[in-house]
Amino acid sequence: MLEHLGYEWFEEPLFDTDAIGLKKLAEALNIPIVGTETLGGRPEVIADYLSRGVVDIVRSDVSWGGGITGLLKAASTAEGLGARCEVHTSIYHALEIANLHALCAIPNSKYFEVLWPFEDYAVGLKGALDIDADGMARPPTGAGLGIELDWDIIDESTVATT
């Protein structure tokens, strides 16, 4: 049904660790099967899954995939095998900003996934993600990742310190 409705992909229809089931599903459907986000972005696993037809598109991010370097390795591995690497949300906007910076260097990705409403996922940050009226996201240009923390909110939200 998803194929007939024009969906772009079928994400994690089975657990990422079910390589046999994912391969059978990929062979039976025309819609691309997307996976690997919970496998830690390991390039050898991504290469294996893509070369065996277990998935058609891979997913990774800075939180599950080994940081910025891990995400870039996952994307590069997928690119080398002619596949896309779509960047998965990291839930918290500080990590989304890290995803966005990496995404700017990934040629084989089409989307920036971010959860809404912004304020629910941006606790402790000053400023919001820069997403314009057309839905285009731009990373901050400040030092490092360009993230500025709101220490007053962080301190007010802290229950205990060790």
Protein backbone atom coordinates (compact mmCIF):
# COMPACT_ATOMS: atom_id res chain seq x y z
CA MET A 1 0.00 0.00 0.00
CA LEU A 2 2.85 2.41 0.77
CA GLU A 3 4.14 1.92 -2.77
CA HIS A 4 0.74 2.83 -4.21
CA LEU A 5 0.50 5.91 -1.98
CA GLY A 6 3.80 7.24 -3.31
CA TYR A 7 5.85 6.97 -0.13
CA GLU A 8 9.55 7.52 -0.70
CA TRP A 9 10.73 4.67 1.54
CA PHE A 10 9.71 2.06 4.11
CA GLU A 11 11.76 2.72 7.24
CA GLU A 12 12.65 -0.07 9.66
CA PRO A 13 9.79 -2.42 8.78
CA LEU A 14 11.67 -5.05 10.82
CA PHE A 15 14.43 -4.85 13.41
CA ASP A 16 17.73 -3.75 11.86
CA THR A 17 19.31 -6.97 13.13
CA ASP A 18 16.88 -9.09 11.04
CA ALA A 19 19.03 -9.10 7.90
CA ILE A 20 17.31 -12.16 6.43
CA GLY A 21 13.82 -10.73 6.87
CA LEU A 22 14.83 -7.30 5.56
CA LYS A 23 16.45 -8.86 2.48
CA LYS A 24 13.32 -10.91 1.72
CA LEU A 25 11.17 -7.81 2.10
CA ALA A 26 13.50 -5.71 -0.10
CA GLU A 27 13.31 -8.38 -2.80
CA ALA A 28 9.50 -8.49 -2.63
CA LEU A 29 8.84 -4.73 -2.74
CA ASN A 30 9.65 -1.89 -5.11
CA ILE A 31 9.66 0.75 -2.37
CA PRO A 32 13.16 1.26 -0.94
CA ILE A 33 13.79 -0.36 2.44
CA VAL A 34 15.63 1.88 4.90
CA GLY A 35 17.55 0.69 7.94
CA THR A 36 20.81 0.42 9.89
CA GLU A 37 20.22 3.38 12.23
CA THR A 38 20.28 1.16 15.34
CA LEU A 39 23.41 -0.72 14.22
CA GLY A 40 25.77 2.05 15.30
CA GLY A 41 26.68 3.38 11.85
CA ARG A 42 29.50 0.87 11.47
CA PRO A 43 30.81 1.10 7.90
CA GLU A 44 31.44 -2.65 7.61
CA VAL A 45 27.82 -3.41 8.53
CA ILE A 46 26.51 -0.74 6.16
CA ALA A 47 28.67 -2.11 3.34
CA ASP A 48 27.46 -5.64 4.07
CA TYR A 49 23.78 -4.68 4.20
CA LEU A 50 23.93 -2.62 1.01
CA SER A 51 25.99 -5.12 -0.98
CA ARG A 52 23.67 -8.01 -0.03
CA GLY A 53 20.48 -6.02 -0.72
CA VAL A 54 19.32 -6.08 2.90
CA VAL A 55 18.49 -2.36 2.68
CA ASP A 56 18.38 0.15 -0.15
CA ILE A 57 19.00 3.32 1.88
CA VAL A 58 20.87 3.60 5.19
CA ARG A 59 20.15 5.82 8.18
CA SER A 60 22.63 7.16 10.68
CA ASP A 61 23.06 10.13 13.00
CA VAL A 62 25.56 11.60 15.44
CA SER A 63 23.99 10.05 18.54
CA TRP A 64 23.64 6.39 17.42
CA GLY A 65 26.27 6.41 14.69
CA GLY A 66 29.49 7.30 16.47
CA GLY A 67 29.44 11.10 16.43
CA ILE A 68 30.13 13.35 13.48
CA THR A 69 32.99 11.15 12.26
CA GLY A 70 30.84 8.02 12.44
CA LEU A 71 28.00 9.68 10.54
CA LEU A 72 30.39 10.85 7.82
CA LYS A 73 31.88 7.35 7.55
CA ALA A 74 28.39 5.83 7.21
CA ALA A 75 27.45 8.33 4.51
CA SER A 76 30.73 7.82 2.66
CA THR A 77 30.33 4.04 2.75
CA ALA A 78 26.81 4.33 1.35
CA GLU A 79 27.96 6.81 -1.31
CA GLY A 80 30.72 4.43 -2.39
CA LEU A 81 28.09 1.76 -2.97
CA GLY A 82 25.76 4.11 -4.83
CA ALA A 83 23.24 4.47 -2.02
CA ARG A 84 21.77 7.30 0.01
CA CYS A 85 22.41 7.89 3.68
CA GLU A 86 19.53 9.75 5.26
CA VAL A 87 20.30 11.42 8.59
CA HIS A 88 18.05 10.28 11.42
CA THR A 89 16.84 12.69 14.09
CA SER A 90 18.86 12.72 17.30
CA ILE A 91 15.85 14.02 19.28
CA TYR A 92 17.70 16.81 21.14
CA HIS A 93 18.37 19.99 19.16
CA ALA A 94 21.99 20.34 20.22
CA LEU A 95 22.57 16.98 18.52
CA GLU A 96 20.37 18.03 15.59
CA ILE A 97 22.74 20.95 15.05
CA ALA A 98 25.66 18.49 14.96
CA ASN A 99 23.66 16.38 12.47
CA LEU A 100 23.00 19.48 10.37
CA HIS A 101 26.68 20.46 10.25
CA ALA A 102 27.59 16.93 9.11
CA LEU A 103 24.69 16.86 6.66
CA CYS A 104 26.15 19.89 4.88
CA ALA A 105 29.09 17.63 3.91
CA ILE A 106 26.98 14.64 2.83
CA PRO A 107 26.13 14.68 -0.89
CA ASN A 108 24.01 11.50 -0.85
CA SER A 109 21.29 12.70 1.53
CA LYS A 110 18.10 14.57 0.70
CA TYR A 111 16.48 15.38 4.05
CA PHE A 112 17.10 16.88 7.47
CA GLU A 113 14.80 15.21 9.98
CA VAL A 114 13.87 17.24 13.04
CA LEU A 115 11.10 16.83 15.60
CA TRP A 116 8.39 19.39 16.14
CA PRO A 117 7.49 21.48 18.12
CA PHE A 118 10.98 22.91 18.38
CA GLU A 119 10.70 24.17 21.95
CA ASP A 120 10.07 20.64 23.28
CA TYR A 121 13.46 19.47 22.01
CA ALA A 122 15.60 22.58 22.53
CA VAL A 123 15.72 22.77 26.34
CA GLY A 124 18.92 24.38 27.52
CA LEU A 125 19.76 26.04 24.21
CA LYS A 126 19.76 29.72 23.40
CA GLY A 127 18.27 30.30 19.99
CA ALA A 128 16.38 27.89 17.78
CA LEU A 129 17.32 25.94 14.72
CA ASP A 130 17.42 28.19 11.69
CA ILE A 131 14.74 26.81 9.37
CA ASP A 132 13.28 29.25 6.87
CA ALA A 133 9.72 29.49 5.51
CA ASP A 134 10.63 27.10 2.67
CA GLY A 135 11.80 24.47 5.17
CA MET A 136 15.50 24.96 4.44
CA ALA A 137 17.76 24.50 7.48
CA ARG A 138 21.02 26.33 8.01
CA PRO A 139 23.63 25.46 10.64
CA PRO A 140 24.80 28.13 13.08
CA THR A 141 28.01 29.88 12.10
CA GLY A 142 29.49 30.51 15.54
CA ALA A 143 32.55 28.83 17.03
CA GLY A 144 32.53 25.05 17.17
CA LEU A 145 29.03 23.82 16.39
CA GLY A 146 27.67 27.32 17.00
CA ILE A 147 25.61 26.12 19.94
CA GLU A 148 25.06 28.50 22.85
CA LEU A 149 23.82 26.89 26.05
CA ASP A 150 21.33 28.58 28.38
CA TRP A 151 22.97 27.82 31.69
CA ASP A 152 20.20 29.50 33.70
CA ILE A 153 17.64 26.99 32.38
CA ILE A 154 20.08 24.11 32.75
CA ASP A 155 20.78 25.07 36.37
CA GLU A 156 17.04 25.51 37.10
CA SER A 157 16.36 22.07 35.61
CA THR A 158 19.15 20.30 37.47
CA VAL A 159 17.88 18.02 40.22
CA ALA A 160 21.22 16.97 41.67
CA THR A 161 24.92 17.15 40.92
CA THR A 162 27.66 14.77 41.90
